[in-house]
Amino acid sequence: MPIDATQPYDDDNIFAKILRGEIPSTKVYEDEWAYAFEDINPQAKVHTLVIPKGRYVSWDDFSAQASVEEIAGFVRAVGKIARDKGLVEPGYRLLANLGAHGGQEVPHLHVHLFGGEPLGRMIAK
C-alpha cells in the first residue's frame, strides 16, 4: 500500500528492521552510508535495493535533510554496486518511488537497481 512520504520516519518499517538485523536479507554491499540487498520479489534479472543508513522517509526528505557526506556516500555506493555487478556497459535502471502517486510502499528511502537484461520502456502506456 502506498505511503504518505510527508509523514515522520517510522522506526518500525521493514528496512529499519533490516538495518538493525531484525529481519534477514541477502547483503550485496555495506559501508558507512548505505546498505544494499537483493529484492525478495525481483522484477528483473538483477534487482537490488539500496538504502541509506540514515532515517529518511523519501528522496525528498533525504535531499533536504541529509548532510553532504551522506548524500555523496549514498550516491557513490549506488554507483559502486552497479559497477560491481557489471551493469554499467550494458546499462541499468535506477528507480526511487516517492509517495502515493509514485507507488512508494516502504517509508524509508530506497532505490531499486534493475539490470542484467533489456528492461524495455520505463512506463507502459
PDB file of N, CA and C in Angstrom:
ATOM      1  N   MET A   1       0.849  -1.181   0.000  1.00  0.00           N
ATOM      2  CA  MET A   1       0.000   0.000   0.000  1.00  0.00           C
ATOM      3  C   MET A   1       0.894   1.244   0.000  1.00  0.00           C
ATOM      4  N   PRO A   2       0.660   2.187  -0.927  1.00  0.00           N
ATOM      5  CA  PRO A   2       1.467   3.399  -0.972  1.00  0.00           C
ATOM      6  C   PRO A   2       1.386   4.186   0.334  1.00  0.00           C
ATOM      7  N   ILE A   3       2.457   4.877   0.633  1.00  0.00           N
ATOM      8  CA  ILE A   3       2.542   5.624   1.888  1.00  0.00           C
ATOM      9  C   ILE A   3       2.573   7.130   1.625  1.00  0.00           C
ATOM     10  N   ASP A   4       2.338   7.886   2.660  1.00  0.00           N
ATOM     11  CA  ASP A   4       2.425   9.342   2.620  1.00  0.00           C
ATOM     12  C   ASP A   4       3.851   9.717   3.002  1.00  0.00           C
ATOM     13  N   ALA A   5       4.629  10.156   2.030  1.00  0.00           N
ATOM     14  CA  ALA A   5       6.047  10.451   2.249  1.00  0.00           C
ATOM     15  C   ALA A   5       6.284  11.716   3.063  1.00  0.00           C
ATOM     16  N   THR A   6       5.210  12.422   3.441  1.00  0.00           N
ATOM     17  CA  THR A   6       5.383  13.617   4.261  1.00  0.00           C
ATOM     18  C   THR A   6       5.296  13.304   5.755  1.00  0.00           C
ATOM     19  N   GLN A   7       4.980  12.071   6.091  1.00  0.00           N
ATOM     20  CA  GLN A   7       4.864  11.684   7.497  1.00  0.00           C
ATOM     21  C   GLN A   7       6.249  11.490   8.114  1.00  0.00           C
ATOM     22  N   PRO A   8       6.356  11.559   9.448  1.00  0.00           N
ATOM     23  CA  PRO A   8       7.646  11.340  10.096  1.00  0.00           C
ATOM     24  C   PRO A   8       8.161   9.922   9.870  1.00  0.00           C
ATOM     25  N   TYR A   9       9.455   9.761  10.036  1.00  0.00           N
ATOM     26  CA  TYR A   9      10.091   8.459   9.872  1.00  0.00           C
ATOM     27  C   TYR A   9       9.526   7.461  10.879  1.00  0.00           C
ATOM     28  N   ASP A  10       9.268   6.252  10.422  1.00  0.00           N
ATOM     29  CA  ASP A  10       8.737   5.177  11.264  1.00  0.00           C
ATOM     30  C   ASP A  10       9.851   4.158  11.515  1.00  0.00           C
ATOM     31  N   ASP A  11      10.338   4.089  12.748  1.00  0.00           N
ATOM     32  CA  ASP A  11      11.428   3.171  13.100  1.00  0.00           C
ATOM     33  C   ASP A  11      11.031   1.706  13.020  1.00  0.00           C
ATOM     34  N   ASP A  12       9.765   1.417  12.820  1.00  0.00           N
ATOM     35  CA  ASP A  12       9.311   0.035  12.710  1.00  0.00           C
ATOM     36  C   ASP A  12       9.134  -0.417  11.262  1.00  0.00           C
ATOM     37  N   ASN A  13       9.572   0.395  10.285  1.00  0.00           N
ATOM     38  CA  ASN A  13       9.434  -0.027   8.895  1.00  0.00           C
ATOM     39  C   ASN A  13      10.391  -1.183   8.608  1.00  0.00           C
ATOM     40  N   ILE A  14      10.078  -1.948   7.583  1.00  0.00           N
ATOM     41  CA  ILE A  14      10.827  -3.173   7.285  1.00  0.00           C
ATOM     42  C   ILE A  14      12.306  -2.901   7.007  1.00  0.00           C
ATOM     43  N   PHE A  15      12.632  -1.781   6.353  1.00  0.00           N
ATOM     44  CA  PHE A  15      14.037  -1.509   6.053  1.00  0.00           C
ATOM     45  C   PHE A  15      14.808  -1.102   7.302  1.00  0.00           C
ATOM     46  N   ALA A  16      14.160  -0.416   8.224  1.00  0.00           N
ATOM     47  CA  ALA A  16      14.807  -0.108   9.502  1.00  0.00           C
ATOM     48  C   ALA A  16      15.122  -1.402  10.247  1.00  0.00           C
ATOM     49  N   LYS A  17      14.192  -2.343  10.190  1.00  0.00           N
ATOM     50  CA  LYS A  17      14.411  -3.644  10.843  1.00  0.00           C
ATOM     51  C   LYS A  17      15.527  -4.426  10.158  1.00  0.00           C
ATOM     52  N   ILE A  18      15.635  -4.334   8.838  1.00  0.00           N
ATOM     53  CA  ILE A  18      16.741  -4.974   8.127  1.00  0.00           C
ATOM     54  C   ILE A  18      18.062  -4.340   8.554  1.00  0.00           C
ATOM     55  N   LEU A  19      18.113  -3.018   8.627  1.00  0.00           N
ATOM     56  CA  LEU A  19      19.341  -2.337   9.054  1.00  0.00           C
ATOM     57  C   LEU A  19      19.767  -2.755  10.463  1.00  0.00           C
ATOM     58  N   ARG A  20      18.786  -2.982  11.337  1.00  0.00           N
ATOM     59  CA  ARG A  20      19.099  -3.397  12.710  1.00  0.00           C
ATOM     60  C   ARG A  20      19.385  -4.895  12.823  1.00  0.00           C
ATOM     61  N   GLY A  21      19.237  -5.639  11.739  1.00  0.00           N
ATOM     62  CA  GLY A  21      19.482  -7.073  11.755  1.00  0.00           C
ATOM     63  C   GLY A  21      18.331  -7.886  12.312  1.00  0.00           C
ATOM     64  N   GLU A  22      17.159  -7.280  12.460  1.00  0.00           N
ATOM     65  CA  GLU A  22      15.986  -7.980  12.988  1.00  0.00           C
ATOM     66  C   GLU A  22      15.300  -8.828  11.924  1.00  0.00           C
ATOM     67  N   ILE A  23      15.501  -8.475  10.670  1.00  0.00           N
ATOM     68  CA  ILE A  23      14.945  -9.224   9.543  1.00  0.00           C
ATOM     69  C   ILE A  23      16.126  -9.567   8.641  1.00  0.00           C
ATOM     70  N   PRO A  24      16.240 -10.830   8.229  1.00  0.00           N
ATOM     71  CA  PRO A  24      17.374 -11.204   7.383  1.00  0.00           C
ATOM     72  C   PRO A  24      17.256 -10.634   5.968  1.00  0.00           C
ATOM     73  N   SER A  25      18.402 -10.473   5.326  1.00  0.00           N
ATOM     74  CA  SER A  25      18.459 -10.020   3.941  1.00  0.00           C
ATOM     75  C   SER A  25      19.714 -10.613   3.303  1.00  0.00           C
ATOM     76  N   THR A  26      19.723 -10.620   1.988  1.00  0.00           N
ATOM     77  CA  THR A  26      20.896 -11.080   1.258  1.00  0.00           C
ATOM     78  C   THR A  26      21.737  -9.861   0.924  1.00  0.00           C
ATOM     79  N   LYS A  27      22.721  -9.595   1.789  1.00  0.00           N
ATOM     80  CA  LYS A  27      23.538  -8.385   1.655  1.00  0.00           C
ATOM     81  C   LYS A  27      24.400  -8.448   0.400  1.00  0.00           C
ATOM     82  N   VAL A  28      24.403  -7.320  -0.315  1.00  0.00           N
ATOM     83  CA  VAL A  28      25.211  -7.140  -1.506  1.00  0.00           C
ATOM     84  C   VAL A  28      26.370  -6.198  -1.202  1.00  0.00           C
ATOM     85  N   TYR A  29      26.117  -5.205  -0.361  1.00  0.00           N
ATOM     86  CA  TYR A  29      27.100  -4.149  -0.108  1.00  0.00           C
ATOM     87  C   TYR A  29      26.731  -3.450   1.196  1.00  0.00           C
ATOM     88  N   GLU A  30      27.761  -2.981   1.895  1.00  0.00           N
ATOM     89  CA  GLU A  30      27.525  -2.171   3.083  1.00  0.00           C
ATOM     90  C   GLU A  30      28.737  -1.295   3.324  1.00  0.00           C
ATOM     91  N   ASP A  31      28.479  -0.048   3.659  1.00  0.00           N
ATOM     92  CA  ASP A  31      29.526   0.855   4.107  1.00  0.00           C
ATOM     93  C   ASP A  31      28.912   1.800   5.137  1.00  0.00           C
ATOM     94  N   GLU A  32      29.601   2.860   5.435  1.00  0.00           N
ATOM     95  CA  GLU A  32      29.154   3.816   6.445  1.00  0.00           C
ATOM     96  C   GLU A  32      27.827   4.485   6.094  1.00  0.00           C
ATOM     97  N   TRP A  33      27.545   4.608   4.783  1.00  0.00           N
ATOM     98  CA  TRP A  33      26.407   5.402   4.339  1.00  0.00           C
ATOM     99  C   TRP A  33      25.239   4.601   3.800  1.00  0.00           C
ATOM    100  N   ALA A  34      25.504   3.391   3.312  1.00  0.00           N
ATOM    101  CA  ALA A  34      24.462   2.658   2.590  1.00  0.00           C
ATOM    102  C   ALA A  34      24.511   1.169   2.890  1.00  0.00           C
ATOM    103  N   TYR A  35      23.371   0.543   2.670  1.00  0.00           N
ATOM    104  CA  TYR A  35      23.243  -0.905   2.777  1.00  0.00           C
ATOM    105  C   TYR A  35      22.466  -1.350   1.542  1.00  0.00           C
ATOM    106  N   ALA A  36      22.945  -2.401   0.872  1.00  0.00           N
ATOM    107  CA  ALA A  36      22.264  -2.904  -0.319  1.00  0.00           C
ATOM    108  C   ALA A  36      22.005  -4.391  -0.163  1.00  0.00           C
ATOM    109  N   PHE A  37      20.859  -4.816  -0.675  1.00  0.00           N
ATOM    110  CA  PHE A  37      20.463  -6.215  -0.572  1.00  0.00           C
ATOM    111  C   PHE A  37      19.572  -6.582  -1.747  1.00  0.00           C
ATOM    112  N   GLU A  38      19.486  -7.880  -2.010  1.00  0.00           N
ATOM    113  CA  GLU A  38      18.667  -8.357  -3.125  1.00  0.00           C
ATOM    114  C   GLU A  38      17.188  -8.271  -2.771  1.00  0.00           C
ATOM    115  N   ASP A  39      16.389  -7.826  -3.739  1.00  0.00           N
ATOM    116  CA  ASP A  39      14.944  -7.760  -3.555  1.00  0.00           C
ATOM    117  C   ASP A  39      14.387  -9.181  -3.453  1.00  0.00           C
ATOM    118  N   ILE A  40      13.468  -9.415  -2.523  1.00  0.00           N
ATOM    119  CA  ILE A  40      12.916 -10.769  -2.347  1.00  0.00           C
ATOM    120  C   ILE A  40      11.885 -11.114  -3.418  1.00  0.00           C
ATOM    121  N   ASN A  41      11.445 -10.115  -4.184  1.00  0.00           N
ATOM    122  CA  ASN A  41      10.499 -10.333  -5.278  1.00  0.00           C
ATOM    123  C   ASN A  41      11.045  -9.622  -6.521  1.00  0.00           C
ATOM    124  N   PRO A  42      12.141 -10.143  -7.098  1.00  0.00           N
ATOM    125  CA  PRO A  42      12.815  -9.417  -8.179  1.00  0.00           C
ATOM    126  C   PRO A  42      11.944  -9.205  -9.403  1.00  0.00           C
ATOM    127  N   GLN A  43      12.058  -8.005  -9.965  1.00  0.00           N
ATOM    128  CA  GLN A  43      11.310  -7.628 -11.158  1.00  0.00           C
ATOM    129  C   GLN A  43      12.185  -7.634 -12.405  1.00  0.00           C
ATOM    130  N   ALA A  44      13.467  -7.993 -12.253  1.00  0.00           N
ATOM    131  CA  ALA A  44      14.414  -8.111 -13.359  1.00  0.00           C
ATOM    132  C   ALA A  44      15.470  -9.118 -12.938  1.00  0.00           C
ATOM    133  N   LYS A  45      16.312  -9.515 -13.894  1.00  0.00           N
ATOM    134  CA  LYS A  45      17.367 -10.479 -13.590  1.00  0.00           C
ATOM    135  C   LYS A  45      18.218  -9.993 -12.413  1.00  0.00           C
ATOM    136  N   VAL A  46      18.565  -8.715 -12.418  1.00  0.00           N
ATOM    137  CA  VAL A  46      19.218  -8.069 -11.275  1.00  0.00           C
ATOM    138  C   VAL A  46      18.221  -7.082 -10.690  1.00  0.00           C
ATOM    139  N   HIS A  47      17.953  -7.214  -9.401  1.00  0.00           N
ATOM    140  CA  HIS A  47      17.060  -6.277  -8.713  1.00  0.00           C
ATOM    141  C   HIS A  47      17.580  -6.131  -7.283  1.00  0.00           C
ATOM    142  N   THR A  48      18.355  -5.081  -7.096  1.00  0.00           N
ATOM    143  CA  THR A  48      18.989  -4.805  -5.816  1.00  0.00           C
ATOM    144  C   THR A  48      18.393  -3.536  -5.227  1.00  0.00           C
ATOM    145  N   LEU A  49      18.141  -3.555  -3.936  1.00  0.00           N
ATOM    146  CA  LEU A  49      17.659  -2.366  -3.228  1.00  0.00           C
ATOM    147  C   LEU A  49      18.841  -1.738  -2.496  1.00  0.00           C
ATOM    148  N   VAL A  50      18.930  -0.415  -2.578  1.00  0.00           N
ATOM    149  CA  VAL A  50      19.988   0.321  -1.883  1.00  0.00           C
ATOM    150  C   VAL A  50      19.300   1.333  -0.979  1.00  0.00           C
ATOM    151  N   ILE A  51      19.659   1.306   0.306  1.00  0.00           N
ATOM    152  CA  ILE A  51      19.038   2.203   1.273  1.00  0.00           C
ATOM    153  C   ILE A  51      20.112   2.967   2.036  1.00  0.00           C
ATOM    154  N   PRO A  52      19.835   4.220   2.367  1.00  0.00           N
ATOM    155  CA  PRO A  52      20.781   4.941   3.221  1.00  0.00           C
ATOM    156  C   PRO A  52      20.653   4.434   4.658  1.00  0.00           C
ATOM    157  N   LYS A  53      21.708   4.577   5.412  1.00  0.00           N
ATOM    158  CA  LYS A  53      21.657   4.150   6.803  1.00  0.00           C
ATOM    159  C   LYS A  53      20.950   5.167   7.697  1.00  0.00           C
ATOM    160  N   GLY A  54      20.762   6.364   7.200  1.00  0.00           N
ATOM    161  CA  GLY A  54      20.057   7.383   7.973  1.00  0.00           C
ATOM    162  C   GLY A  54      18.550   7.207   7.920  1.00  0.00           C
ATOM    163  N   ARG A  55      17.872   7.932   8.795  1.00  0.00           N
ATOM    164  CA  ARG A  55      16.415   7.840   8.943  1.00  0.00           C
ATOM    165  C   ARG A  55      15.728   8.835   7.999  1.00  0.00           C
ATOM    166  N   TYR A  56      15.581   8.415   6.728  1.00  0.00           N
ATOM    167  CA  TYR A  56      14.971   9.269   5.716  1.00  0.00           C
ATOM    168  C   TYR A  56      13.786   8.553   5.091  1.00  0.00           C
ATOM    169  N   VAL A  57      12.664   9.241   5.043  1.00  0.00           N
ATOM    170  CA  VAL A  57      11.420   8.652   4.526  1.00  0.00           C
ATOM    171  C   VAL A  57      11.459   8.519   3.011  1.00  0.00           C
ATOM    172  N   SER A  58      12.008   9.515   2.324  1.00  0.00           N
ATOM    173  CA  SER A  58      11.902   9.573   0.867  1.00  0.00           C
ATOM    174  C   SER A  58      13.090  10.318   0.275  1.00  0.00           C
ATOM    175  N   TRP A  59      13.138  10.332  -1.056  1.00  0.00           N
ATOM    176  CA  TRP A  59      14.182  11.093  -1.737  1.00  0.00           C
ATOM    177  C   TRP A  59      14.068  12.570  -1.373  1.00  0.00           C
ATOM    178  N   ASP A  60      12.855  13.083  -1.272  1.00  0.00           N
ATOM    179  CA  ASP A  60      12.660  14.481  -0.893  1.00  0.00           C
ATOM    180  C   ASP A  60      13.224  14.757   0.491  1.00  0.00           C
ATOM    181  N   ASP A  61      12.899  13.919   1.452  1.00  0.00           N
ATOM    182  CA  ASP A  61      13.405  14.050   2.817  1.00  0.00           C
ATOM    183  C   ASP A  61      14.934  13.999   2.826  1.00  0.00           C
ATOM    184  N   PHE A  62      15.490  13.031   2.119  1.00  0.00           N
ATOM    185  CA  PHE A  62      16.940  12.841   2.052  1.00  0.00           C
ATOM    186  C   PHE A  62      17.626  14.053   1.429  1.00  0.00           C
ATOM    187  N   SER A  63      17.126  14.510   0.290  1.00  0.00           N
ATOM    188  CA  SER A  63      17.778  15.624  -0.404  1.00  0.00           C
ATOM    189  C   SER A  63      17.690  16.927   0.392  1.00  0.00           C
ATOM    190  N   ALA A  64      16.661  17.064   1.215  1.00  0.00           N
ATOM    191  CA  ALA A  64      16.500  18.281   2.018  1.00  0.00           C
ATOM    192  C   ALA A  64      17.223  18.215   3.366  1.00  0.00           C
ATOM    193  N   GLN A  65      17.343  17.024   3.955  1.00  0.00           N
ATOM    194  CA  GLN A  65      17.822  16.915   5.337  1.00  0.00           C
ATOM    195  C   GLN A  65      19.200  16.256   5.513  1.00  0.00           C
ATOM    196  N   ALA A  66      19.613  15.424   4.579  1.00  0.00           N
ATOM    197  CA  ALA A  66      20.873  14.695   4.748  1.00  0.00           C
ATOM    198  C   ALA A  66      22.062  15.628   4.590  1.00  0.00           C
ATOM    199  N   SER A  67      23.156  15.246   5.222  1.00  0.00           N
ATOM    200  CA  SER A  67      24.390  16.020   5.082  1.00  0.00           C
ATOM    201  C   SER A  67      24.986  15.774   3.695  1.00  0.00           C
ATOM    202  N   VAL A  68      25.876  16.650   3.298  1.00  0.00           N
ATOM    203  CA  VAL A  68      26.574  16.494   2.023  1.00  0.00           C
ATOM    204  C   VAL A  68      27.307  15.153   1.998  1.00  0.00           C
ATOM    205  N   GLU A  69      27.899  14.766   3.124  1.00  0.00           N
ATOM    206  CA  GLU A  69      28.623  13.493   3.198  1.00  0.00           C
ATOM    207  C   GLU A  69      27.692  12.306   3.017  1.00  0.00           C
ATOM    208  N   GLU A  70      26.509  12.368   3.638  1.00  0.00           N
ATOM    209  CA  GLU A  70      25.541  11.270   3.486  1.00  0.00           C
ATOM    210  C   GLU A  70      25.079  11.140   2.040  1.00  0.00           C
ATOM    211  N   ILE A  71      24.783  12.265   1.421  1.00  0.00           N
ATOM    212  CA  ILE A  71      24.315  12.244   0.029  1.00  0.00           C
ATOM    213  C   ILE A  71      25.405  11.697  -0.884  1.00  0.00           C
ATOM    214  N   ALA A  72      26.611  12.229  -0.752  1.00  0.00           N
ATOM    215  CA  ALA A  72      27.706  11.754  -1.600  1.00  0.00           C
ATOM    216  C   ALA A  72      27.986  10.280  -1.348  1.00  0.00           C
ATOM    217  N   GLY A  73      28.011   9.873  -0.096  1.00  0.00           N
ATOM    218  CA  GLY A  73      28.279   8.474   0.225  1.00  0.00           C
ATOM    219  C   GLY A  73      27.235   7.537  -0.348  1.00  0.00           C
ATOM    220  N   PHE A  74      25.980   7.929  -0.272  1.00  0.00           N
ATOM    221  CA  PHE A  74      24.898   7.097  -0.792  1.00  0.00           C
ATOM    222  C   PHE A  74      24.976   6.991  -2.317  1.00  0.00           C
ATOM    223  N   VAL A  75      25.137   8.118  -2.986  1.00  0.00           N
ATOM    224  CA  VAL A  75      25.190   8.113  -4.448  1.00  0.00           C
ATOM    225  C   VAL A  75      26.403   7.311  -4.929  1.00  0.00           C
ATOM    226  N   ARG A  76      27.533   7.467  -4.259  1.00  0.00           N
ATOM    227  CA  ARG A  76      28.729   6.696  -4.653  1.00  0.00           C
ATOM    228  C   ARG A  76      28.521   5.204  -4.423  1.00  0.00           C
ATOM    229  N   ALA A  77      27.816   4.845  -3.359  1.00  0.00           N
ATOM    230  CA  ALA A  77      27.535   3.427  -3.098  1.00  0.00           C
ATOM    231  C   ALA A  77      26.694   2.837  -4.223  1.00  0.00           C
ATOM    232  N   VAL A  78      25.678   3.565  -4.668  1.00  0.00           N
ATOM    233  CA  VAL A  78      24.835   3.077  -5.763  1.00  0.00           C
ATOM    234  C   VAL A  78      25.689   2.832  -7.008  1.00  0.00           C
ATOM    235  N   GLY A  79      26.562   3.770  -7.328  1.00  0.00           N
ATOM    236  CA  GLY A  79      27.434   3.608  -8.491  1.00  0.00           C
ATOM    237  C   GLY A  79      28.373   2.423  -8.345  1.00  0.00           C
ATOM    238  N   LYS A  80      28.948   2.243  -7.168  1.00  0.00           N
ATOM    239  CA  LYS A  80      29.860   1.113  -6.928  1.00  0.00           C
ATOM    240  C   LYS A  80      29.143  -0.213  -7.094  1.00  0.00           C
ATOM    241  N   ILE A  81      27.937  -0.304  -6.570  1.00  0.00           N
ATOM    242  CA  ILE A  81      27.166  -1.548  -6.686  1.00  0.00           C
ATOM    243  C   ILE A  81      26.898  -1.858  -8.161  1.00  0.00           C
ATOM    244  N   ALA A  82      26.505  -0.851  -8.935  1.00  0.00           N
ATOM    245  CA  ALA A  82      26.249  -1.055 -10.365  1.00  0.00           C
ATOM    246  C   ALA A  82      27.522  -1.517 -11.068  1.00  0.00           C
ATOM    247  N   ARG A  83      28.660  -0.898 -10.748  1.00  0.00           N
ATOM    248  CA  ARG A  83      29.927  -1.322 -11.359  1.00  0.00           C
ATOM    249  C   ARG A  83      30.289  -2.733 -10.934  1.00  0.00           C
ATOM    250  N   ASP A  84      30.160  -3.031  -9.642  1.00  0.00           N
ATOM    251  CA  ASP A  84      30.500  -4.368  -9.134  1.00  0.00           C
ATOM    252  C   ASP A  84      29.648  -5.457  -9.779  1.00  0.00           C
ATOM    253  N   LYS A  85      28.425  -5.120 -10.126  1.00  0.00           N
ATOM    254  CA  LYS A  85      27.527  -6.102 -10.754  1.00  0.00           C
ATOM    255  C   LYS A  85      27.690  -6.145 -12.274  1.00  0.00           C
ATOM    256  N   GLY A  86      28.609  -5.345 -12.815  1.00  0.00           N
ATOM    257  CA  GLY A  86      28.855  -5.349 -14.252  1.00  0.00           C
ATOM    258  C   GLY A  86      27.735  -4.753 -15.073  1.00  0.00           C
ATOM    259  N   LEU A  87      27.027  -3.784 -14.524  1.00  0.00           N
ATOM    260  CA  LEU A  87      25.847  -3.248 -15.195  1.00  0.00           C
ATOM    261  C   LEU A  87      26.090  -1.984 -16.008  1.00  0.00           C
ATOM    262  N   VAL A  88      27.238  -1.357 -15.843  1.00  0.00           N
ATOM    263  CA  VAL A  88      27.436  -0.050 -16.476  1.00  0.00           C
ATOM    264  C   VAL A  88      27.445  -0.149 -17.992  1.00  0.00           C
ATOM    265  N   GLU A  89      28.233  -1.056 -18.570  1.00  0.00           N
ATOM    266  CA  GLU A  89      28.356  -1.144 -20.031  1.00  0.00           C
ATOM    267  C   GLU A  89      27.039  -1.540 -20.689  1.00  0.00           C
ATOM    268  N   PRO A  90      26.334  -2.570 -20.213  1.00  0.00           N
ATOM    269  CA  PRO A  90      25.069  -2.874 -20.887  1.00  0.00           C
ATOM    270  C   PRO A  90      23.947  -1.904 -20.510  1.00  0.00           C
ATOM    271  N   GLY A  91      24.069  -1.270 -19.362  1.00  0.00           N
ATOM    272  CA  GLY A  91      23.061  -0.316 -18.911  1.00  0.00           C
ATOM    273  C   GLY A  91      22.188  -0.879 -17.803  1.00  0.00           C
ATOM    274  N   TYR A  92      21.590   0.021 -17.068  1.00  0.00           N
ATOM    275  CA  TYR A  92      20.733  -0.356 -15.954  1.00  0.00           C
ATOM    276  C   TYR A  92      19.742   0.754 -15.683  1.00  0.00           C
ATOM    277  N   ARG A  93      18.827   0.506 -14.790  1.00  0.00           N
ATOM    278  CA  ARG A  93      17.816   1.488 -14.397  1.00  0.00           C
ATOM    279  C   ARG A  93      17.856   1.681 -12.897  1.00  0.00           C
ATOM    280  N   LEU A  94      17.733   2.934 -12.479  1.00  0.00           N
ATOM    281  CA  LEU A  94      17.543   3.289 -11.067  1.00  0.00           C
ATOM    282  C   LEU A  94      16.133   3.821 -10.916  1.00  0.00           C
ATOM    283  N   LEU A  95      15.471   3.416  -9.847  1.00  0.00           N
ATOM    284  CA  LEU A  95      14.112   3.871  -9.604  1.00  0.00           C
ATOM    285  C   LEU A  95      13.941   4.178  -8.128  1.00  0.00           C
ATOM    286  N   ALA A  96      13.441   5.360  -7.842  1.00  0.00           N
ATOM    287  CA  ALA A  96      13.080   5.732  -6.473  1.00  0.00           C
ATOM    288  C   ALA A  96      11.625   6.185  -6.498  1.00  0.00           C
ATOM    289  N   ASN A  97      10.753   5.442  -5.840  1.00  0.00           N
ATOM    290  CA  ASN A  97       9.344   5.812  -5.747  1.00  0.00           C
ATOM    291  C   ASN A  97       9.177   6.785  -4.586  1.00  0.00           C
ATOM    292  N   LEU A  98       8.283   7.755  -4.764  1.00  0.00           N
ATOM    293  CA  LEU A  98       8.052   8.730  -3.702  1.00  0.00           C
ATOM    294  C   LEU A  98       6.562   8.974  -3.555  1.00  0.00           C
ATOM    295  N   GLY A  99       6.045   8.669  -2.381  1.00  0.00           N
ATOM    296  CA  GLY A  99       4.659   8.961  -2.051  1.00  0.00           C
ATOM    297  C   GLY A  99       3.647   8.088  -2.779  1.00  0.00           C
ATOM    298  N   ALA A 100       2.387   8.405  -2.552  1.00  0.00           N
ATOM    299  CA  ALA A 100       1.289   7.596  -3.080  1.00  0.00           C
ATOM    300  C   ALA A 100       1.266   7.561  -4.608  1.00  0.00           C
ATOM    301  N   HIS A 101       1.409   8.706  -5.259  1.00  0.00           N
ATOM    302  CA  HIS A 101       1.373   8.718  -6.725  1.00  0.00           C
ATOM    303  C   HIS A 101       2.580   8.020  -7.324  1.00  0.00           C
ATOM    304  N   GLY A 102       3.699   8.026  -6.616  1.00  0.00           N
ATOM    305  CA  GLY A 102       4.906   7.354  -7.102  1.00  0.00           C
ATOM    306  C   GLY A 102       4.947   5.878  -6.768  1.00  0.00           C
ATOM    307  N   GLY A 103       4.005   5.416  -5.951  1.00  0.00           N
ATOM    308  CA  GLY A 103       3.942   3.997  -5.608  1.00  0.00           C
ATOM    309  C   GLY A 103       4.887   3.572  -4.496  1.00  0.00           C
ATOM    310  N   GLN A 104       5.344   4.507  -3.661  1.00  0.00           N
ATOM    311  CA  GLN A 104       6.237   4.158  -2.557  1.00  0.00           C
ATOM    312  C   GLN A 104       5.493   3.316  -1.528  1.00  0.00           C
ATOM    313  N   GLU A 105       6.079   2.168  -1.162  1.00  0.00           N
ATOM    314  CA  GLU A 105       5.415   1.254  -0.234  1.00  0.00           C
ATOM    315  C   GLU A 105       6.115   1.121   1.111  1.00  0.00           C
ATOM    316  N   VAL A 106       7.366   1.539   1.201  1.00  0.00           N
ATOM    317  CA  VAL A 106       8.111   1.459   2.462  1.00  0.00           C
ATOM    318  C   VAL A 106       8.569   2.870   2.815  1.00  0.00           C
ATOM    319  N   PRO A 107       8.288   3.341   4.025  1.00  0.00           N
ATOM    320  CA  PRO A 107       8.642   4.708   4.400  1.00  0.00           C
ATOM    321  C   PRO A 107      10.111   4.861   4.825  1.00  0.00           C
ATOM    322  N   HIS A 108      11.003   4.343   3.990  1.00  0.00           N
ATOM    323  CA  HIS A 108      12.453   4.530   4.147  1.00  0.00           C
ATOM    324  C   HIS A 108      12.985   4.683   2.729  1.00  0.00           C
ATOM    325  N   LEU A 109      13.723   5.772   2.479  1.00  0.00           N
ATOM    326  CA  LEU A 109      14.266   5.974   1.138  1.00  0.00           C
ATOM    327  C   LEU A 109      14.969   4.719   0.655  1.00  0.00           C
ATOM    328  N   HIS A 110      14.684   4.338  -0.561  1.00  0.00           N
ATOM    329  CA  HIS A 110      15.383   3.221  -1.189  1.00  0.00           C
ATOM    330  C   HIS A 110      15.349   3.418  -2.694  1.00  0.00           C
ATOM    331  N   VAL A 111      16.410   2.957  -3.333  1.00  0.00           N
ATOM    332  CA  VAL A 111      16.423   2.958  -4.785  1.00  0.00           C
ATOM    333  C   VAL A 111      16.493   1.508  -5.247  1.00  0.00           C
ATOM    334  N   HIS A 112      15.789   1.251  -6.317  1.00  0.00           N
ATOM    335  CA  HIS A 112      15.808  -0.054  -6.965  1.00  0.00           C
ATOM    336  C   HIS A 112      16.854   0.030  -8.069  1.00  0.00           C
ATOM    337  N   LEU A 113      17.754  -0.917  -8.119  1.00  0.00           N
ATOM    338  CA  LEU A 113      18.748  -1.032  -9.176  1.00  0.00           C
ATOM    339  C   LEU A 113      18.363  -2.257 -10.003  1.00  0.00           C
ATOM    340  N   PHE A 114      17.941  -1.999 -11.246  1.00  0.00           N
ATOM    341  CA  PHE A 114      17.489  -3.069 -12.145  1.00  0.00           C
ATOM    342  C   PHE A 114      18.494  -3.241 -13.275  1.00  0.00           C
ATOM    343  N   GLY A 115      18.730  -4.474 -13.696  1.00  0.00           N
ATOM    344  CA  GLY A 115      19.602  -4.700 -14.842  1.00  0.00           C
ATOM    345  C   GLY A 115      19.727  -6.167 -15.164  1.00  0.00           C
ATOM    346  N   GLY A 116      20.760  -6.462 -15.957  1.00  0.00           N
ATOM    347  CA  GLY A 116      21.039  -7.841 -16.329  1.00  0.00           C
ATOM    348  C   GLY A 116      20.258  -8.336 -17.529  1.00  0.00           C
ATOM    349  N   GLU A 117      19.413  -7.476 -18.086  1.00  0.00           N
ATOM    350  CA  GLU A 117      18.598  -7.823 -19.251  1.00  0.00           C
ATOM    351  C   GLU A 117      18.004  -6.539 -19.808  1.00  0.00           C
ATOM    352  N   PRO A 118      17.543  -6.543 -21.072  1.00  0.00           N
ATOM    353  CA  PRO A 118      16.855  -5.359 -21.595  1.00  0.00           C
ATOM    354  C   PRO A 118      15.591  -5.103 -20.776  1.00  0.00           C
ATOM    355  N   LEU A 119      15.375  -3.855 -20.400  1.00  0.00           N
ATOM    356  CA  LEU A 119      14.274  -3.527 -19.494  1.00  0.00           C
ATOM    357  C   LEU A 119      13.055  -2.932 -20.189  1.00  0.00           C
ATOM    358  N   GLY A 120      13.175  -2.561 -21.436  1.00  0.00           N
ATOM    359  CA  GLY A 120      12.023  -2.022 -22.133  1.00  0.00           C
ATOM    360  C   GLY A 120      11.701  -0.593 -21.714  1.00  0.00           C
ATOM    361  N   ARG A 121      10.501  -0.182 -22.085  1.00  0.00           N
ATOM    362  CA  ARG A 121      10.059   1.185 -21.782  1.00  0.00           C
ATOM    363  C   ARG A 121       9.998   1.424 -20.280  1.00  0.00           C
ATOM    364  N   MET A 122      10.214   2.639 -19.889  1.00  0.00           N
ATOM    365  CA  MET A 122      10.181   2.984 -18.480  1.00  0.00           C
ATOM    366  C   MET A 122       8.768   2.912 -17.924  1.00  0.00           C
ATOM    367  N   ILE A 123       7.812   3.466 -18.646  1.00  0.00           N
ATOM    368  CA  ILE A 123       6.421   3.453 -18.209  1.00  0.00           C
ATOM    369  C   ILE A 123       5.573   2.904 -19.354  1.00  0.00           C
ATOM    370  N   ALA A 124       4.852   1.842 -19.098  1.00  0.00           N
ATOM    371  CA  ALA A 124       3.981   1.262 -20.125  1.00  0.00           C
ATOM    372  C   ALA A 124       2.781   2.174 -20.346  1.00  0.00           C
ATOM    373  N   LYS A 125       2.415   2.360 -21.580  1.00  0.00           N
ATOM    374  CA  LYS A 125       1.246   3.203 -21.894  1.00  0.00           C
ATOM    375  C   LYS A 125      -0.014   2.403 -21.729  1.00  0.00           C
TER     376      LYS A 125
END
